[in-house]
PDB file of N, CA and C in Angstrom:
ATOM      1  N   MET A   1       0.392  55.887 -39.453  1.00  0.00           N
ATOM      2  CA  MET A   1       0.057  54.624 -38.854  1.00  0.00           C
ATOM      3  C   MET A   1      -0.417  54.882 -37.435  1.00  0.00           C
ATOM      4  N   GLY A   2      -1.433  54.160 -37.015  1.00  0.00           N
ATOM      5  CA  GLY A   2      -1.986  54.338 -35.687  1.00  0.00           C
ATOM      6  C   GLY A   2      -2.257  53.011 -35.027  1.00  0.00           C
ATOM      7  N   GLU A   3      -3.083  53.072 -34.016  1.00  0.00           N
ATOM      8  CA  GLU A   3      -3.453  51.870 -33.293  1.00  0.00           C
ATOM      9  C   GLU A   3      -4.964  51.745 -33.275  1.00  0.00           C
ATOM     10  N   LYS A   4      -5.414  50.499 -33.203  1.00  0.00           N
ATOM     11  CA  LYS A   4      -6.842  50.233 -33.118  1.00  0.00           C
ATOM     12  C   LYS A   4      -7.054  49.092 -32.138  1.00  0.00           C
ATOM     13  N   LYS A   5      -8.141  49.211 -31.389  1.00  0.00           N
ATOM     14  CA  LYS A   5      -8.480  48.169 -30.434  1.00  0.00           C
ATOM     15  C   LYS A   5      -9.189  47.052 -31.181  1.00  0.00           C
ATOM     16  N   CYS A   6      -8.726  45.844 -31.006  1.00  0.00           N
ATOM     17  CA  CYS A   6      -9.303  44.684 -31.683  1.00  0.00           C
ATOM     18  C   CYS A   6     -10.710  44.424 -31.154  1.00  0.00           C
ATOM     19  N   PRO A   7     -11.703  44.299 -32.066  1.00  0.00           N
ATOM     20  CA  PRO A   7     -13.066  44.031 -31.603  1.00  0.00           C
ATOM     21  C   PRO A   7     -13.258  42.617 -31.059  1.00  0.00           C
ATOM     22  N   HIS A   8     -12.288  41.746 -31.279  1.00  0.00           N
ATOM     23  CA  HIS A   8     -12.408  40.357 -30.848  1.00  0.00           C
ATOM     24  C   HIS A   8     -11.746  40.105 -29.495  1.00  0.00           C
ATOM     25  N   CYS A   9     -10.480  40.528 -29.366  1.00  0.00           N
ATOM     26  CA  CYS A   9      -9.757  40.223 -28.125  1.00  0.00           C
ATOM     27  C   CYS A   9      -9.609  41.438 -27.204  1.00  0.00           C
ATOM     28  N   GLY A  10      -9.807  42.655 -27.716  1.00  0.00           N
ATOM     29  CA  GLY A  10      -9.728  43.850 -26.884  1.00  0.00           C
ATOM     30  C   GLY A  10      -8.331  44.426 -26.732  1.00  0.00           C
ATOM     31  N   ASN A  11      -7.309  43.822 -27.339  1.00  0.00           N
ATOM     32  CA  ASN A  11      -5.945  44.348 -27.256  1.00  0.00           C
ATOM     33  C   ASN A  11      -5.725  45.387 -28.348  1.00  0.00           C
ATOM     34  N   TRP A  12      -4.798  46.328 -28.090  1.00  0.00           N
ATOM     35  CA  TRP A  12      -4.462  47.354 -29.070  1.00  0.00           C
ATOM     36  C   TRP A  12      -3.420  46.811 -30.035  1.00  0.00           C
ATOM     37  N   SER A  13      -3.614  47.086 -31.337  1.00  0.00           N
ATOM     38  CA  SER A  13      -2.679  46.636 -32.362  1.00  0.00           C
ATOM     39  C   SER A  13      -2.369  47.793 -33.297  1.00  0.00           C
ATOM     40  N   SER A  14      -1.191  47.765 -33.902  1.00  0.00           N
ATOM     41  CA  SER A  14      -0.872  48.793 -34.889  1.00  0.00           C
ATOM     42  C   SER A  14      -1.766  48.587 -36.102  1.00  0.00           C
ATOM     43  N   TRP A  15      -2.230  49.707 -36.678  1.00  0.00           N
ATOM     44  CA  TRP A  15      -3.210  49.646 -37.751  1.00  0.00           C
ATOM     45  C   TRP A  15      -2.929  50.743 -38.754  1.00  0.00           C
ATOM     46  N   SER A  16      -2.891  50.371 -40.030  1.00  0.00           N
ATOM     47  CA  SER A  16      -2.629  51.345 -41.088  1.00  0.00           C
ATOM     48  C   SER A  16      -3.903  51.809 -41.782  1.00  0.00           C
ATOM     49  N   GLY A  17      -5.063  51.376 -41.327  1.00  0.00           N
ATOM     50  CA  GLY A  17      -6.329  51.791 -41.919  1.00  0.00           C
ATOM     51  C   GLY A  17      -6.953  50.748 -42.825  1.00  0.00           C
ATOM     52  N   ASN A  18      -6.256  49.651 -43.068  1.00  0.00           N
ATOM     53  CA  ASN A  18      -6.780  48.583 -43.905  1.00  0.00           C
ATOM     54  C   ASN A  18      -7.715  47.715 -43.064  1.00  0.00           C
ATOM     55  N   MET A  19      -8.966  47.537 -43.548  1.00  0.00           N
ATOM     56  CA  MET A  19      -9.948  46.767 -42.779  1.00  0.00           C
ATOM     57  C   MET A  19      -9.576  45.295 -42.681  1.00  0.00           C
ATOM     58  N   ASN A  20      -8.816  44.783 -43.636  1.00  0.00           N
ATOM     59  CA  ASN A  20      -8.445  43.370 -43.649  1.00  0.00           C
ATOM     60  C   ASN A  20      -7.197  43.079 -42.826  1.00  0.00           C
ATOM     61  N   GLU A  21      -6.575  44.096 -42.271  1.00  0.00           N
ATOM     62  CA  GLU A  21      -5.356  43.906 -41.489  1.00  0.00           C
ATOM     63  C   GLU A  21      -5.655  43.103 -40.228  1.00  0.00           C
ATOM     64  N   ALA A  22      -4.784  42.167 -39.906  1.00  0.00           N
ATOM     65  CA  ALA A  22      -5.020  41.251 -38.780  1.00  0.00           C
ATOM     66  C   ALA A  22      -4.474  41.820 -37.473  1.00  0.00           C
ATOM     67  N   CYS A  23      -5.105  41.417 -36.400  1.00  0.00           N
ATOM     68  CA  CYS A  23      -4.675  41.790 -35.052  1.00  0.00           C
ATOM     69  C   CYS A  23      -3.363  41.080 -34.737  1.00  0.00           C
ATOM     70  N   GLY A  24      -2.493  41.758 -34.021  1.00  0.00           N
ATOM     71  CA  GLY A  24      -1.218  41.162 -33.641  1.00  0.00           C
ATOM     72  C   GLY A  24      -1.359  40.089 -32.574  1.00  0.00           C
ATOM     73  N   SER A  25      -2.416  40.128 -31.797  1.00  0.00           N
ATOM     74  CA  SER A  25      -2.604  39.165 -30.708  1.00  0.00           C
ATOM     75  C   SER A  25      -3.381  37.923 -31.129  1.00  0.00           C
ATOM     76  N   CYS A  26      -4.562  38.147 -31.712  1.00  0.00           N
ATOM     77  CA  CYS A  26      -5.422  36.990 -32.014  1.00  0.00           C
ATOM     78  C   CYS A  26      -5.429  36.614 -33.501  1.00  0.00           C
ATOM     79  N   GLY A  27      -4.964  37.492 -34.368  1.00  0.00           N
ATOM     80  CA  GLY A  27      -4.892  37.182 -35.789  1.00  0.00           C
ATOM     81  C   GLY A  27      -6.182  37.398 -36.562  1.00  0.00           C
ATOM     82  N   LYS A  28      -7.225  37.882 -35.902  1.00  0.00           N
ATOM     83  CA  LYS A  28      -8.491  38.138 -36.579  1.00  0.00           C
ATOM     84  C   LYS A  28      -8.465  39.548 -37.184  1.00  0.00           C
ATOM     85  N   PRO A  29      -9.297  39.818 -38.199  1.00  0.00           N
ATOM     86  CA  PRO A  29      -9.277  41.140 -38.835  1.00  0.00           C
ATOM     87  C   PRO A  29      -9.720  42.251 -37.890  1.00  0.00           C
ATOM     88  N   LEU A  30      -9.083  43.418 -38.021  1.00  0.00           N
ATOM     89  CA  LEU A  30      -9.380  44.557 -37.161  1.00  0.00           C
ATOM     90  C   LEU A  30     -10.596  45.346 -37.638  1.00  0.00           C
ATOM     91  N   GLY A  31     -11.128  45.015 -38.810  1.00  0.00           N
ATOM     92  CA  GLY A  31     -12.251  45.760 -39.374  1.00  0.00           C
ATOM     93  C   GLY A  31     -13.526  45.665 -38.566  1.00  0.00           C
ATOM     94  N   GLY A  32     -13.815  44.526 -37.990  1.00  0.00           N
ATOM     95  CA  GLY A  32     -15.011  44.349 -37.172  1.00  0.00           C
ATOM     96  C   GLY A  32     -16.290  44.522 -37.975  1.00  0.00           C
ATOM     97  N   ARG A  33     -17.215  45.316 -37.450  1.00  0.00           N
ATOM     98  CA  ARG A  33     -18.503  45.529 -38.128  1.00  0.00           C
ATOM     99  C   ARG A  33     -18.330  46.266 -39.454  1.00  0.00           C
ATOM    100  N   ASP A  34     -17.326  47.143 -39.533  1.00  0.00           N
ATOM    101  CA  ASP A  34     -17.080  47.848 -40.794  1.00  0.00           C
ATOM    102  C   ASP A  34     -16.699  46.870 -41.896  1.00  0.00           C
ATOM    103  N   LEU A  35     -15.899  45.878 -41.564  1.00  0.00           N
ATOM    104  CA  LEU A  35     -15.503  44.868 -42.547  1.00  0.00           C
ATOM    105  C   LEU A  35     -16.713  44.042 -42.972  1.00  0.00           C
ATOM    106  N   ASP A  36     -17.559  43.664 -42.016  1.00  0.00           N
ATOM    107  CA  ASP A  36     -18.778  42.915 -42.348  1.00  0.00           C
ATOM    108  C   ASP A  36     -19.687  43.731 -43.259  1.00  0.00           C
ATOM    109  N   TYR A  37     -19.850  45.025 -42.950  1.00  0.00           N
ATOM    110  CA  TYR A  37     -20.675  45.901 -43.769  1.00  0.00           C
ATOM    111  C   TYR A  37     -20.098  46.017 -45.177  1.00  0.00           C
ATOM    112  N   HIS A  38     -18.785  46.171 -45.266  1.00  0.00           N
ATOM    113  CA  HIS A  38     -18.117  46.305 -46.568  1.00  0.00           C
ATOM    114  C   HIS A  38     -18.296  45.036 -47.409  1.00  0.00           C
ATOM    115  N   ILE A  39     -18.153  43.878 -46.794  1.00  0.00           N
ATOM    116  CA  ILE A  39     -18.310  42.605 -47.513  1.00  0.00           C
ATOM    117  C   ILE A  39     -19.750  42.440 -47.991  1.00  0.00           C
ATOM    118  N   ASN A  40     -20.723  42.737 -47.122  1.00  0.00           N
ATOM    119  CA  ASN A  40     -22.134  42.632 -47.518  1.00  0.00           C
ATOM    120  C   ASN A  40     -22.483  43.620 -48.624  1.00  0.00           C
ATOM    121  N   ARG A  41     -21.927  44.809 -48.551  1.00  0.00           N
ATOM    122  CA  ARG A  41     -22.187  45.822 -49.589  1.00  0.00           C
ATOM    123  C   ARG A  41     -21.617  45.376 -50.928  1.00  0.00           C
ATOM    124  N   GLU A  42     -20.443  44.785 -50.933  1.00  0.00           N
ATOM    125  CA  GLU A  42     -19.851  44.287 -52.176  1.00  0.00           C
ATOM    126  C   GLU A  42     -20.697  43.159 -52.774  1.00  0.00           C
ATOM    127  N   LYS A  43     -21.202  42.253 -51.938  1.00  0.00           N
ATOM    128  CA  LYS A  43     -22.064  41.163 -52.415  1.00  0.00           C
ATOM    129  C   LYS A  43     -23.343  41.723 -53.034  1.00  0.00           C
ATOM    130  N   ASP A  44     -23.962  42.703 -52.347  1.00  0.00           N
ATOM    131  CA  ASP A  44     -25.198  43.304 -52.856  1.00  0.00           C
ATOM    132  C   ASP A  44     -24.958  44.037 -54.162  1.00  0.00           C
ATOM    133  N   LYS A  45     -23.821  44.718 -54.264  1.00  0.00           N
ATOM    134  CA  LYS A  45     -23.505  45.458 -55.498  1.00  0.00           C
ATOM    135  C   LYS A  45     -23.302  44.493 -56.663  1.00  0.00           C
ATOM    136  N   LYS A  46     -22.600  43.395 -56.408  1.00  0.00           N
ATOM    137  CA  LYS A  46     -22.368  42.404 -57.452  1.00  0.00           C
ATOM    138  C   LYS A  46     -23.689  41.773 -57.899  1.00  0.00           C
ATOM    139  N   ALA A  47     -24.550  41.429 -56.944  1.00  0.00           N
ATOM    140  CA  ALA A  47     -25.847  40.832 -57.276  1.00  0.00           C
ATOM    141  C   ALA A  47     -26.711  41.816 -58.053  1.00  0.00           C
ATOM    142  N   SER A  48     -26.664  43.073 -57.676  1.00  0.00           N
ATOM    143  CA  SER A  48     -27.436  44.094 -58.374  1.00  0.00           C
ATOM    144  C   SER A  48     -26.927  44.296 -59.797  1.00  0.00           C
ATOM    145  N   ASP A  49     -25.614  44.307 -59.967  1.00  0.00           N
ATOM    146  CA  ASP A  49     -25.037  44.462 -61.306  1.00  0.00           C
ATOM    147  C   ASP A  49     -25.404  43.298 -62.215  1.00  0.00           C
ATOM    148  N   GLU A  50     -25.434  42.094 -61.660  1.00  0.00           N
ATOM    149  CA  GLU A  50     -25.731  40.915 -62.469  1.00  0.00           C
ATOM    150  C   GLU A  50     -27.210  40.839 -62.863  1.00  0.00           C
ATOM    151  N   LYS A  51     -28.084  41.534 -62.140  1.00  0.00           N
ATOM    152  CA  LYS A  51     -29.509  41.553 -62.483  1.00  0.00           C
ATOM    153  C   LYS A  51     -29.809  42.532 -63.618  1.00  0.00           C
ATOM    154  N   TRP A  52     -28.891  43.440 -63.903  1.00  0.00           N
ATOM    155  CA  TRP A  52     -29.084  44.437 -64.953  1.00  0.00           C
ATOM    156  C   TRP A  52     -29.224  43.732 -66.294  1.00  0.00           C
ATOM    157  N   ILE A  53     -30.196  44.144 -67.093  1.00  0.00           N
ATOM    158  CA  ILE A  53     -30.519  43.458 -68.345  1.00  0.00           C
ATOM    159  C   ILE A  53     -29.344  43.472 -69.334  1.00  0.00           C
ATOM    160  N   PHE A  54     -28.531  44.524 -69.295  1.00  0.00           N
ATOM    161  CA  PHE A  54     -27.424  44.633 -70.243  1.00  0.00           C
ATOM    162  C   PHE A  54     -26.079  44.238 -69.630  1.00  0.00           C
ATOM    163  N   PHE A  55     -26.102  43.494 -68.523  1.00  0.00           N
ATOM    164  CA  PHE A  55     -24.863  43.030 -67.890  1.00  0.00           C
ATOM    165  C   PHE A  55     -24.185  42.014 -68.802  1.00  0.00           C
ATOM    166  N   ILE A  56     -22.925  42.261 -69.118  1.00  0.00           N
ATOM    167  CA  ILE A  56     -22.182  41.393 -70.032  1.00  0.00           C
ATOM    168  C   ILE A  56     -21.479  40.307 -69.222  1.00  0.00           C
ATOM    169  N   LYS A  57     -21.868  39.065 -69.463  1.00  0.00           N
ATOM    170  CA  LYS A  57     -21.268  37.919 -68.779  1.00  0.00           C
ATOM    171  C   LYS A  57     -20.147  37.349 -69.641  1.00  0.00           C
ATOM    172  N   GLU A  58     -19.251  36.643 -69.013  1.00  0.00           N
ATOM    173  CA  GLU A  58     -18.161  36.011 -69.755  1.00  0.00           C
ATOM    174  C   GLU A  58     -18.679  34.899 -70.661  1.00  0.00           C
ATOM    175  N   SER A  59     -19.794  34.295 -70.290  1.00  0.00           N
ATOM    176  CA  SER A  59     -20.336  33.190 -71.074  1.00  0.00           C
ATOM    177  C   SER A  59     -21.143  33.663 -72.287  1.00  0.00           C
ATOM    178  N   ASP A  60     -21.382  34.958 -72.413  1.00  0.00           N
ATOM    179  CA  ASP A  60     -22.129  35.482 -73.555  1.00  0.00           C
ATOM    180  C   ASP A  60     -21.311  35.361 -74.832  1.00  0.00           C
ATOM    181  N   GLY A  61     -22.006  35.086 -75.924  1.00  0.00           N
ATOM    182  CA  GLY A  61     -21.351  35.019 -77.220  1.00  0.00           C
ATOM    183  C   GLY A  61     -21.049  36.413 -77.749  1.00  0.00           C
ATOM    184  N   ALA A  62     -20.330  36.470 -78.860  1.00  0.00           N
ATOM    185  CA  ALA A  62     -19.919  37.749 -79.432  1.00  0.00           C
ATOM    186  C   ALA A  62     -21.128  38.584 -79.852  1.00  0.00           C
ATOM    187  N   LEU A  63     -22.123  37.940 -80.451  1.00  0.00           N
ATOM    188  CA  LEU A  63     -23.314  38.661 -80.892  1.00  0.00           C
ATOM    189  C   LEU A  63     -24.084  39.233 -79.703  1.00  0.00           C
ATOM    190  N   VAL A  64     -24.217  38.456 -78.647  1.00  0.00           N
ATOM    191  CA  VAL A  64     -24.930  38.910 -77.456  1.00  0.00           C
ATOM    192  C   VAL A  64     -24.162  40.039 -76.772  1.00  0.00           C
ATOM    193  N   LYS A  65     -22.835  39.934 -76.697  1.00  0.00           N
ATOM    194  CA  LYS A  65     -22.023  40.989 -76.098  1.00  0.00           C
ATOM    195  C   LYS A  65     -22.195  42.291 -76.863  1.00  0.00           C
ATOM    196  N   ASN A  66     -22.129  42.211 -78.195  1.00  0.00           N
ATOM    197  CA  ASN A  66     -22.292  43.423 -79.002  1.00  0.00           C
ATOM    198  C   ASN A  66     -23.692  44.000 -78.855  1.00  0.00           C
ATOM    199  N   ALA A  67     -24.708  43.146 -78.772  1.00  0.00           N
ATOM    200  CA  ALA A  67     -26.082  43.625 -78.585  1.00  0.00           C
ATOM    201  C   ALA A  67     -26.227  44.333 -77.236  1.00  0.00           C
ATOM    202  N   LYS A  68     -25.592  43.798 -76.194  1.00  0.00           N
ATOM    203  CA  LYS A  68     -25.663  44.423 -74.880  1.00  0.00           C
ATOM    204  C   LYS A  68     -24.909  45.748 -74.844  1.00  0.00           C
ATOM    205  N   ILE A  69     -23.804  45.840 -75.572  1.00  0.00           N
ATOM    206  CA  ILE A  69     -23.062  47.098 -75.666  1.00  0.00           C
ATOM    207  C   ILE A  69     -23.930  48.158 -76.341  1.00  0.00           C
ATOM    208  N   VAL A  70     -24.583  47.784 -77.436  1.00  0.00           N
ATOM    209  CA  VAL A  70     -25.473  48.709 -78.138  1.00  0.00           C
ATOM    210  C   VAL A  70     -26.652  49.081 -77.242  1.00  0.00           C
ATOM    211  N   GLY A  71     -27.197  48.109 -76.517  1.00  0.00           N
ATOM    212  CA  GLY A  71     -28.291  48.379 -75.591  1.00  0.00           C
ATOM    213  C   GLY A  71     -27.898  49.365 -74.510  1.00  0.00           C
ATOM    214  N   ASN A  72     -26.708  49.196 -73.939  1.00  0.00           N
ATOM    215  CA  ASN A  72     -26.206  50.137 -72.941  1.00  0.00           C
ATOM    216  C   ASN A  72     -26.067  51.535 -73.522  1.00  0.00           C
ATOM    217  N   PHE A  73     -25.566  51.633 -74.743  1.00  0.00           N
ATOM    218  CA  PHE A  73     -25.380  52.924 -75.400  1.00  0.00           C
ATOM    219  C   PHE A  73     -26.722  53.639 -75.568  1.00  0.00           C
ATOM    220  N   PHE A  74     -27.710  52.933 -76.119  1.00  0.00           N
ATOM    221  CA  PHE A  74     -29.003  53.570 -76.358  1.00  0.00           C
ATOM    222  C   PHE A  74     -29.739  53.864 -75.047  1.00  0.00           C
ATOM    223  N   TYR A  75     -29.543  53.042 -74.033  1.00  0.00           N
ATOM    224  CA  TYR A  75     -30.137  53.329 -72.728  1.00  0.00           C
ATOM    225  C   TYR A  75     -29.543  54.614 -72.153  1.00  0.00           C
ATOM    226  N   THR A  76     -28.245  54.796 -72.303  1.00  0.00           N
ATOM    227  CA  THR A  76     -27.597  56.014 -71.826  1.00  0.00           C
ATOM    228  C   THR A  76     -28.130  57.236 -72.563  1.00  0.00           C
ATOM    229  N   ILE A  77     -28.278  57.135 -73.882  1.00  0.00           N
ATOM    230  CA  ILE A  77     -28.830  58.238 -74.673  1.00  0.00           C
ATOM    231  C   ILE A  77     -30.262  58.543 -74.218  1.00  0.00           C
ATOM    232  N   TYR A  78     -31.066  57.500 -74.043  1.00  0.00           N
ATOM    233  CA  TYR A  78     -32.455  57.664 -73.608  1.00  0.00           C
ATOM    234  C   TYR A  78     -32.527  58.376 -72.257  1.00  0.00           C
ATOM    235  N   MET A  79     -31.704  57.938 -71.302  1.00  0.00           N
ATOM    236  CA  MET A  79     -31.713  58.558 -69.983  1.00  0.00           C
ATOM    237  C   MET A  79     -31.240  60.003 -70.036  1.00  0.00           C
ATOM    238  N   ALA A  80     -30.288  60.317 -70.909  1.00  0.00           N
ATOM    239  CA  ALA A  80     -29.827  61.697 -71.058  1.00  0.00           C
ATOM    240  C   ALA A  80     -30.958  62.584 -71.591  1.00  0.00           C
ATOM    241  N   ILE A  81     -31.709  62.089 -72.553  1.00  0.00           N
ATOM    242  CA  ILE A  81     -32.828  62.861 -73.113  1.00  0.00           C
ATOM    243  C   ILE A  81     -33.908  63.074 -72.053  1.00  0.00           C
ATOM    244  N   ILE A  82     -34.262  62.020 -71.329  1.00  0.00           N
ATOM    245  CA  ILE A  82     -35.276  62.136 -70.279  1.00  0.00           C
ATOM    246  C   ILE A  82     -34.822  63.116 -69.197  1.00  0.00           C
ATOM    247  N   THR A  83     -33.557  63.045 -68.817  1.00  0.00           N
ATOM    248  CA  THR A  83     -33.015  63.952 -67.805  1.00  0.00           C
ATOM    249  C   THR A  83     -33.089  65.395 -68.284  1.00  0.00           C
ATOM    250  N   PHE A  84     -32.762  65.634 -69.552  1.00  0.00           N
ATOM    251  CA  PHE A  84     -32.833  66.982 -70.101  1.00  0.00           C
ATOM    252  C   PHE A  84     -34.270  67.494 -70.095  1.00  0.00           C
ATOM    253  N   ILE A  85     -35.232  66.650 -70.471  1.00  0.00           N
ATOM    254  CA  ILE A  85     -36.637  67.068 -70.492  1.00  0.00           C
ATOM    255  C   ILE A  85     -37.113  67.395 -69.079  1.00  0.00           C
ATOM    256  N   VAL A  86     -36.764  66.578 -68.112  1.00  0.00           N
ATOM    257  CA  VAL A  86     -37.150  66.846 -66.720  1.00  0.00           C
ATOM    258  C   VAL A  86     -36.511  68.139 -66.231  1.00  0.00           C
ATOM    259  N   TRP A  87     -35.246  68.368 -66.572  1.00  0.00           N
ATOM    260  CA  TRP A  87     -34.568  69.608 -66.192  1.00  0.00           C
ATOM    261  C   TRP A  87     -35.259  70.804 -66.841  1.00  0.00           C
ATOM    262  N   LEU A  88     -35.633  70.677 -68.100  1.00  0.00           N
ATOM    263  CA  LEU A  88     -36.294  71.761 -68.829  1.00  0.00           C
ATOM    264  C   LEU A  88     -37.648  72.090 -68.183  1.00  0.00           C
ATOM    265  N   ILE A  89     -38.399  71.067 -67.810  1.00  0.00           N
ATOM    266  CA  ILE A  89     -39.689  71.280 -67.147  1.00  0.00           C
ATOM    267  C   ILE A  89     -39.489  71.952 -65.791  1.00  0.00           C
ATOM    268  N   ALA A  90     -38.459  71.557 -65.071  1.00  0.00           N
ATOM    269  CA  ALA A  90     -38.186  72.146 -63.766  1.00  0.00           C
ATOM    270  C   ALA A  90     -37.762  73.614 -63.883  1.00  0.00           C
ATOM    271  N   MET A  91     -37.138  73.989 -64.985  1.00  0.00           N
ATOM    272  CA  MET A  91     -36.671  75.358 -65.172  1.00  0.00           C
ATOM    273  C   MET A  91     -37.778  76.307 -65.650  1.00  0.00           C
ATOM    274  N   MET A  92     -38.822  75.788 -66.233  1.00  0.00           N
ATOM    275  CA  MET A  92     -39.868  76.647 -66.792  1.00  0.00           C
ATOM    276  C   MET A  92     -40.603  77.492 -65.759  1.00  0.00           C
ATOM    277  N   PRO A  93     -40.979  76.944 -64.599  1.00  0.00           N
ATOM    278  CA  PRO A  93     -41.701  77.805 -63.646  1.00  0.00           C
ATOM    279  C   PRO A  93     -40.857  78.948 -63.102  1.00  0.00           C
ATOM    280  N   GLY A  94     -39.538  78.762 -63.055  1.00  0.00           N
ATOM    281  CA  GLY A  94     -38.661  79.774 -62.468  1.00  0.00           C
ATOM    282  C   GLY A  94     -38.363  80.839 -63.428  1.00  0.00           C
TER     283      GLY A  94
END
């Protein structure tokens, strides 16, 4: 456990490394810009995941869920084959 200077009030508070931990003086989170970056990154990751064609939503029916599972499987197989071919081409000149 250590101490961190609060980005809001400037006082030192005990800090265990959790970005959501509150300052002892003002009660605001000690994460500061790191916490803002982490929150924005989580939002972007969630939005990116939901744009994926095979993203399984809770509102999808059983048939659609199974189709997306099969789609994910074949996409993974396809990418593995393409990766192997690219690796094979890269190894040939050497």
